[in-house]
Amino acid sequence: MKKLSWILFLFVVSCSPKKNEPVADQIDKLFSEEFKDNEPGGAVLVMKDGEVIFKKGYGIADVGTKEKITTQTLFNTGSISKTFVSNTILSLTEEKKLSLNDSLYKYFPDFKNKGIAQKIKIHHLLTHSSGLPDNRRSLLDSVYLLTAKDQENWAPILQNDSLLFEPGSRFEYSNPAFNALALIIEKVTGKKWQQVVGERIFQPANMPTSKITDGPYPESGVAHGYLKSGNTFIEKDYGEEPTFAAAGNGGVWSSVEELANYENAIQNSVFLKKETLDRSRTITEYPNWNSKFHAFIGYSWFIGQTNDGKKIVSHTGSQGGFLADYVSVPEKKIFFVILCNRPYPREEFRKKILSIVNVQPAQALKSF
């Protein structure tokens, strides 16, 4: 019966012009036409009802060695990393080792403006609504930022003496906020935050090969990121891209297979309580929200809807030559993740994959 159901799924869910073409073939065609075998490319995995219905790698992980990309290749996930930092913070709240209502002043008493530090809470960092300006590049040169880790990227933020807006009133995407959250994890646990994420998320979620940048690590055993320049690809990752060493905002390296394990662990409440996970994937609506846009973010996750009212949870990643997309439609039990080591038309591909698996967003999903 399972095999028959799978065959029926392939033919029923597709809503592309070739609606009798199997889902796997449609997805494969989409990526095969985009990525060449001898160039940087990417990996994709699609799940339905908790089972993988398609997975494949395209192109090469390293232009020097010509190593082929597989679904086990480790890519830098960019800002998808923020969800790991967020979930680790939430695990510490479950143990009452910190509170989301703790102010920044509790952890960073050296803030230039004490009033600002007291006003901003941890939950404001998780929702990109702190109002803190990102002043790093005005205080630090690009050469320094090539090797600046979380502490060095967060230090300039402590010098701010004013806010862009009142905390909770608007959305302003913030990478330094997650550098701060990583440092808070270290202050609370007394361990490197990378180790804490490994213990609290990677291990229970069955992500044995996933890594987190810690200085130049990892230097080998991973895909390299590239940007195209004319007819050649130029490496653009650690050592070439400023702030790449700042891992709290984009330091997780993983494969599409292990990110699928991550999503399964979320769906099954493996490393956090169900109510905690549900809250993290619920839009945070602050009473003082004062934006022309409706709120659309939970605790790091971006929230959209299908045209029939089902929740779409997503996060993108972009760093150097890496581009990633992570999309879950929990009520329809659909999930897909794409990890690439070169640019590709991410928004266009997201729409096409959702259409292939018969999901129609009611609104555009956010990409950062």
Protein backbone atom coordinates (compact mmCIF):
# COMPACT_ATOMS: atom_id res chain seq x y z
CA MET A 1 0.00 0.00 0.00
CA LYS A 2 2.84 2.43 0.78
CA LYS A 3 4.31 1.97 -2.71
CA LEU A 4 0.91 2.51 -4.33
CA SER A 5 0.30 5.66 -2.25
CA TRP A 6 3.68 7.03 -3.32
CA ILE A 7 2.87 6.46 -7.00
CA LEU A 8 -0.47 8.20 -6.58
CA PHE A 9 1.22 11.10 -4.79
CA LEU A 10 3.63 11.64 -7.67
CA PHE A 11 0.80 12.01 -10.17
CA VAL A 12 -1.78 13.84 -8.09
CA VAL A 13 0.09 16.63 -6.32
CA SER A 14 1.76 18.14 -9.39
CA CYS A 15 0.09 21.28 -10.70
CA SER A 16 2.67 22.22 -13.31
CA PRO A 17 1.73 22.37 -17.02
CA LYS A 18 3.00 18.77 -17.38
CA LYS A 19 0.72 17.55 -14.63
CA ASN A 20 1.21 13.87 -15.46
CA GLU A 21 4.98 14.16 -15.05
CA PRO A 22 6.18 12.67 -11.73
CA VAL A 23 7.16 15.15 -9.00
CA ALA A 24 10.72 13.83 -8.82
CA ASP A 25 11.21 14.30 -12.55
CA GLN A 26 9.92 17.87 -12.42
CA ILE A 27 12.27 18.80 -9.59
CA ASP A 28 15.23 17.08 -11.23
CA LYS A 29 14.58 18.92 -14.49
CA LEU A 30 14.42 22.26 -12.68
CA PHE A 31 17.87 21.80 -11.13
CA SER A 32 19.49 19.96 -14.01
CA GLU A 33 18.76 22.90 -16.29
CA GLU A 34 20.27 25.37 -13.79
CA PHE A 35 23.48 23.59 -12.71
CA LYS A 36 26.23 22.19 -14.91
CA ASP A 37 28.13 19.07 -13.87
CA ASN A 38 31.55 20.78 -13.94
CA GLU A 39 30.59 23.97 -12.07
CA PRO A 40 29.58 24.82 -8.48
CA GLY A 41 25.99 23.83 -7.89
CA GLY A 42 23.87 22.60 -5.02
CA ALA A 43 21.86 19.89 -3.32
CA VAL A 44 18.12 19.59 -2.79
CA LEU A 45 15.92 17.38 -0.64
CA VAL A 46 12.11 17.22 -0.54
CA MET A 47 10.04 15.42 2.08
CA LYS A 48 6.36 14.54 2.21
CA ASP A 49 4.67 12.86 5.17
CA GLY A 50 8.03 12.47 6.89
CA GLU A 51 9.57 10.53 4.00
CA VAL A 52 12.12 11.75 1.48
CA ILE A 53 10.52 11.84 -1.98
CA PHE A 54 13.46 13.45 -3.77
CA LYS A 55 17.12 14.15 -3.05
CA LYS A 56 20.03 14.84 -5.35
CA GLY A 57 23.28 16.78 -5.66
CA TYR A 58 24.33 18.82 -8.69
CA GLY A 59 27.72 20.19 -9.73
CA ILE A 60 30.98 20.30 -7.78
CA ALA A 61 31.83 21.23 -4.19
CA ASP A 62 35.36 22.44 -4.97
CA VAL A 63 36.57 23.78 -8.32
CA GLY A 64 40.11 22.69 -7.43
CA THR A 65 39.45 19.04 -6.58
CA LYS A 66 36.31 18.65 -8.74
CA GLU A 67 34.66 16.80 -5.85
CA LYS A 68 31.03 16.10 -6.72
CA ILE A 69 28.22 17.52 -4.61
CA THR A 70 26.05 14.91 -2.90
CA THR A 71 23.16 15.18 -0.47
CA GLN A 72 25.70 14.63 2.31
CA THR A 73 27.96 17.52 1.26
CA LEU A 74 28.34 20.17 3.95
CA PHE A 75 27.49 23.74 2.90
CA ASN A 76 27.54 26.94 4.87
CA THR A 77 23.84 27.48 5.64
CA GLY A 78 24.12 31.25 6.14
CA SER A 79 21.29 32.69 8.19
CA ILE A 80 19.54 29.35 8.65
CA SER A 81 22.16 29.18 11.42
CA LYS A 82 20.10 31.72 13.35
CA THR A 83 17.41 29.11 13.98
CA PHE A 84 19.98 26.92 15.80
CA VAL A 85 21.05 29.84 18.00
CA SER A 86 17.41 30.68 18.67
CA ASN A 87 16.48 27.11 19.57
CA THR A 88 19.47 26.86 21.90
CA ILE A 89 18.38 30.04 23.67
CA LEU A 90 14.89 28.55 23.99
CA SER A 91 16.30 25.34 25.46
CA LEU A 92 18.00 27.43 28.15
CA THR A 93 14.71 29.18 28.91
CA GLU A 94 13.02 25.81 29.38
CA GLU A 95 15.63 25.06 32.05
CA LYS A 96 15.10 28.55 33.53
CA LYS A 97 18.75 29.41 33.00
CA LEU A 98 17.64 32.64 31.36
CA SER A 99 14.43 34.46 30.48
CA LEU A 100 13.41 35.96 27.16
CA ASN A 101 12.51 39.04 29.18
CA ASP A 102 16.08 39.46 30.40
CA SER A 103 17.53 42.77 29.28
CA LEU A 104 20.76 43.15 27.36
CA TYR A 105 22.16 45.06 30.31
CA LYS A 106 22.12 41.85 32.37
CA TYR A 107 24.62 40.26 29.98
CA PHE A 108 26.37 43.34 28.58
CA PRO A 109 26.72 45.93 31.37
CA ASP A 110 29.41 47.71 29.34
CA PHE A 111 26.85 49.16 26.93
CA LYS A 112 27.65 52.83 26.31
CA ASN A 113 23.99 53.75 26.87
CA LYS A 114 22.66 51.88 29.89
CA GLY A 115 19.08 52.93 29.14
CA ILE A 116 19.16 51.27 25.72
CA ALA A 117 20.62 48.08 27.17
CA GLN A 118 17.88 47.93 29.81
CA LYS A 119 15.12 48.54 27.29
CA ILE A 120 16.06 45.78 24.84
CA LYS A 121 15.10 42.23 25.81
CA ILE A 122 16.34 38.90 24.50
CA HIS A 123 13.08 38.34 22.61
CA HIS A 124 13.71 41.56 20.67
CA LEU A 125 16.96 40.04 19.38
CA LEU A 126 15.16 36.84 18.37
CA THR A 127 12.56 38.79 16.37
CA HIS A 128 14.90 41.32 14.72
CA SER A 129 13.04 44.14 16.44
CA SER A 130 15.65 45.57 18.83
CA GLY A 131 16.12 48.84 16.94
CA LEU A 132 19.90 48.61 17.37
CA PRO A 133 21.82 50.13 14.44
CA ASP A 134 24.41 47.95 12.73
CA ASN A 135 27.39 50.28 12.97
CA ARG A 136 30.14 47.71 12.43
CA ARG A 137 31.39 48.88 9.06
CA SER A 138 31.62 52.48 10.21
CA LEU A 139 33.94 51.47 13.05
CA LEU A 140 35.76 48.44 11.66
CA ASP A 141 37.51 48.08 8.31
CA SER A 142 36.85 45.19 5.94
CA VAL A 143 40.27 43.63 6.53
CA TYR A 144 39.57 43.36 10.27
CA LEU A 145 36.09 41.97 9.60
CA LEU A 146 37.57 39.10 7.58
CA THR A 147 38.65 37.45 10.84
CA ALA A 148 36.37 39.14 13.41
CA LYS A 149 34.41 36.55 15.38
CA ASP A 150 31.18 37.03 17.36
CA GLN A 151 32.72 39.12 20.12
CA GLU A 152 34.49 41.47 17.68
CA ASN A 153 31.34 41.89 15.59
CA TRP A 154 29.21 42.62 18.63
CA ALA A 155 31.63 45.08 20.28
CA PRO A 156 30.79 48.06 18.00
CA ILE A 157 27.08 47.63 18.77
CA LEU A 158 27.81 48.35 22.42
CA GLN A 159 28.88 51.85 21.38
CA ASN A 160 25.46 52.85 20.05
CA ASP A 161 23.90 55.71 22.00
CA SER A 162 20.58 55.81 20.10
CA LEU A 163 18.10 53.44 18.45
CA LEU A 164 16.61 53.31 14.96
CA PHE A 165 13.18 52.76 16.57
CA GLU A 166 11.62 51.65 19.83
CA PRO A 167 12.16 47.95 20.53
CA GLY A 168 9.24 45.87 19.30
CA SER A 169 7.80 48.58 17.04
CA ARG A 170 9.40 47.55 13.74
CA PHE A 171 11.41 44.90 11.94
CA GLU A 172 15.04 45.50 11.00
CA TYR A 173 17.05 42.42 10.07
CA SER A 174 20.05 42.17 12.39
CA ASN A 175 23.06 39.89 12.10
CA PRO A 176 24.79 41.33 15.22
CA ALA A 177 21.71 40.43 17.30
CA PHE A 178 22.57 36.78 16.79
CA ASN A 179 26.25 37.35 17.54
CA ALA A 180 24.97 38.70 20.87
CA LEU A 181 22.69 35.70 21.41
CA ALA A 182 25.63 33.35 20.79
CA LEU A 183 27.65 35.24 23.42
CA ILE A 184 24.73 35.06 25.87
CA ILE A 185 24.72 31.26 25.45
CA GLU A 186 28.39 31.25 26.46
CA LYS A 187 27.79 33.53 29.46
CA VAL A 188 24.95 31.32 30.71
CA THR A 189 26.59 27.92 30.12
CA GLY A 190 30.27 28.68 30.60
CA LYS A 191 30.99 26.77 27.36
CA LYS A 192 31.64 27.73 23.77
CA TRP A 193 28.27 28.24 22.18
CA GLN A 194 29.23 25.98 19.26
CA GLN A 195 29.67 23.13 21.72
CA VAL A 196 26.31 23.88 23.35
CA VAL A 197 24.49 23.78 20.01
CA GLY A 198 26.21 20.48 19.27
CA GLU A 199 25.07 18.97 22.55
CA ARG A 200 21.55 20.37 22.58
CA ILE A 201 20.59 20.20 18.89
CA PHE A 202 23.04 18.40 16.61
CA GLN A 203 23.26 15.26 18.75
CA PRO A 204 19.55 14.72 19.52
CA ALA A 205 18.54 15.72 15.98
CA ASN A 206 20.93 13.18 14.39
CA MET A 207 23.23 15.68 12.70
CA PRO A 208 26.60 13.95 13.26
CA THR A 209 28.63 15.71 10.54
CA SER A 210 27.24 19.24 10.92
CA LYS A 211 29.78 21.83 12.09
CA ILE A 212 29.91 25.46 13.23
CA THR A 213 32.53 28.01 12.25
CA ASP A 214 34.97 28.73 15.07
CA GLY A 215 37.63 30.98 13.62
CA PRO A 216 38.65 29.50 10.26
CA TYR A 217 37.08 26.11 10.97
CA PRO A 218 35.97 24.19 8.99
CA GLU A 219 38.62 24.56 6.29
CA SER A 220 38.26 21.14 4.66
CA GLY A 221 35.59 18.51 4.14
CA VAL A 222 33.04 21.13 3.08
CA ALA A 223 31.84 22.80 -0.10
CA HIS A 224 33.46 26.11 -1.01
CA GLY A 225 31.33 29.09 -2.03
CA TYR A 226 31.74 30.81 -5.39
CA LEU A 227 30.59 33.84 -7.33
CA LYS A 228 30.75 33.90 -11.11
CA SER A 229 33.07 36.40 -12.77
CA GLY A 230 32.88 36.24 -16.53
CA ASN A 231 33.41 32.61 -17.47
CA THR A 232 35.11 31.64 -14.21
CA PHE A 233 34.08 31.13 -10.59
CA ILE A 234 35.81 33.11 -7.84
CA GLU A 235 35.95 31.61 -4.34
CA LYS A 236 33.97 33.69 -1.86
CA ASP A 237 33.85 32.20 1.62
CA TYR A 238 36.06 32.27 4.72
CA GLY A 239 38.98 34.65 4.21
CA GLU A 240 37.36 36.43 1.28
CA GLU A 241 34.02 37.57 2.72
CA PRO A 242 33.90 40.08 5.63
CA THR A 243 32.03 38.89 8.76
CA PHE A 244 32.20 35.22 7.63
CA ALA A 245 34.00 34.39 10.88
CA ALA A 246 31.11 35.82 12.94
CA ALA A 247 29.37 32.49 13.43
CA GLY A 248 26.31 33.36 15.52
CA ASN A 249 24.55 34.84 12.53
CA GLY A 250 25.71 32.35 9.86
CA GLY A 251 28.22 29.78 11.06
CA VAL A 252 26.38 26.45 10.78
CA TRP A 253 27.58 24.02 8.09
CA SER A 254 25.25 21.17 7.25
CA SER A 255 23.89 18.93 4.51
CA VAL A 256 20.38 18.70 3.11
CA GLU A 257 20.07 15.26 4.69
CA GLU A 258 20.97 16.49 8.16
CA LEU A 259 18.75 19.57 7.83
CA ALA A 260 15.91 17.19 7.02
CA ASN A 261 16.74 15.40 10.29
CA TYR A 262 16.65 18.81 11.99
CA GLU A 263 13.15 19.50 10.67
CA ASN A 264 11.98 16.03 11.71
CA ALA A 265 13.35 16.67 15.20
CA ILE A 266 11.43 19.94 15.33
CA GLN A 267 8.23 18.27 14.15
CA ASN A 268 8.64 15.55 16.78
CA SER A 269 9.67 17.87 19.65
CA VAL A 270 12.97 16.06 20.11
CA PHE A 271 15.07 18.85 21.65
CA LEU A 272 12.39 21.31 22.80
CA LYS A 273 8.90 21.00 24.19
CA LYS A 274 6.10 21.19 21.64
CA GLU A 275 4.69 24.38 23.12
CA THR A 276 8.10 26.04 22.93
CA LEU A 277 8.59 25.03 19.31
CA ASP A 278 5.05 26.10 18.40
CA ARG A 279 5.67 29.50 19.98
CA SER A 280 8.91 29.90 18.07
CA ARG A 281 6.95 29.37 14.85
CA THR A 282 4.16 31.76 15.73
CA ILE A 283 4.23 35.39 14.63
CA THR A 284 5.29 37.74 17.43
CA GLU A 285 2.92 40.71 17.53
CA TYR A 286 4.19 43.42 19.84
CA PRO A 287 1.59 45.85 21.27
CA ASN A 288 3.68 48.83 20.10
CA TRP A 289 4.12 47.51 16.54
CA ASN A 290 4.16 50.55 14.27
CA SER A 291 5.10 49.46 10.76
CA LYS A 292 3.44 49.59 7.36
CA PHE A 293 4.03 45.83 7.22
CA HIS A 294 2.17 43.28 9.34
CA ALA A 295 4.39 41.29 11.67
CA PHE A 296 5.70 38.14 9.99
CA ILE A 297 8.36 36.66 12.26
CA GLY A 298 8.46 34.28 15.22
CA TYR A 299 11.62 33.49 17.14
CA SER A 300 13.98 33.67 14.14
CA TRP A 301 11.52 31.87 11.79
CA PHE A 302 9.66 33.72 9.04
CA ILE A 303 5.97 32.89 8.84
CA GLY A 304 3.72 32.95 5.77
CA GLN A 305 0.54 31.23 4.68
CA THR A 306 -0.78 29.03 1.91
CA ASN A 307 -3.85 30.14 0.00
CA ASP A 308 -5.93 27.77 2.15
CA GLY A 309 -4.63 29.21 5.42
CA LYS A 310 -1.91 26.71 6.30
CA LYS A 311 1.27 28.03 7.93
CA ILE A 312 4.51 28.19 5.92
CA VAL A 313 7.66 28.37 8.04
CA SER A 314 10.90 29.34 6.36
CA HIS A 315 14.37 30.77 6.58
CA THR A 316 16.88 31.62 3.90
CA GLY A 317 20.65 31.77 4.01
CA SER A 318 23.08 33.95 2.09
CA GLN A 319 26.77 34.33 2.81
CA GLY A 320 29.65 34.78 0.39
CA GLY A 321 29.02 32.37 -2.48
CA PHE A 322 26.52 30.28 -0.50
CA LEU A 323 22.75 30.51 -0.97
CA ALA A 324 20.21 28.39 0.91
CA ASP A 325 16.48 27.95 1.35
CA TYR A 326 14.61 26.05 4.07
CA VAL A 327 10.81 25.77 3.79
CA SER A 328 8.32 23.80 5.87
CA VAL A 329 4.55 23.50 5.54
CA PRO A 330 3.89 21.48 8.70
CA GLU A 331 0.13 20.93 8.31
CA LYS A 332 0.64 19.59 4.80
CA LYS A 333 3.70 17.62 5.96
CA ILE A 334 5.83 19.10 3.20
CA PHE A 335 9.42 20.22 3.60
CA PHE A 336 12.26 21.09 1.27
CA VAL A 337 15.76 22.44 1.65
CA ILE A 338 18.21 23.70 -0.96
CA LEU A 339 21.89 24.35 -0.27
CA CYS A 340 24.04 25.89 -3.01
CA ASN A 341 27.65 27.02 -3.33
CA ARG A 342 26.88 29.59 -6.03
CA PRO A 343 24.02 32.01 -6.67
CA TYR A 344 20.81 30.69 -8.22
CA PRO A 345 17.29 32.17 -8.66
CA ARG A 346 16.20 31.29 -5.13
CA GLU A 347 12.81 33.02 -5.04
CA GLU A 348 11.85 31.64 -8.46
CA PHE A 349 12.88 28.11 -7.51
CA ARG A 350 11.00 28.33 -4.21
CA LYS A 351 7.79 29.22 -6.03
CA LYS A 352 8.29 26.44 -8.57
CA ILE A 353 8.95 23.74 -5.98
CA LEU A 354 5.96 24.81 -3.90
CA SER A 355 3.84 24.66 -7.04
CA ILE A 356 5.17 21.21 -7.95
CA VAL A 357 4.18 19.85 -4.51
CA ASN A 358 0.81 21.60 -4.77
CA VAL A 359 1.36 24.44 -2.32
CA GLN A 360 0.25 27.96 -3.26
CA PRO A 361 1.50 30.74 -0.92
CA ALA A 362 -1.07 33.41 -0.09
CA GLN A 363 1.73 35.94 0.20
CA ALA A 364 5.38 36.26 -0.73
CA LEU A 365 7.74 34.54 1.71
CA LYS A 366 10.51 36.71 3.14
CA SER A 367 14.09 36.25 1.99
CA PHE A 368 17.20 37.70 3.64
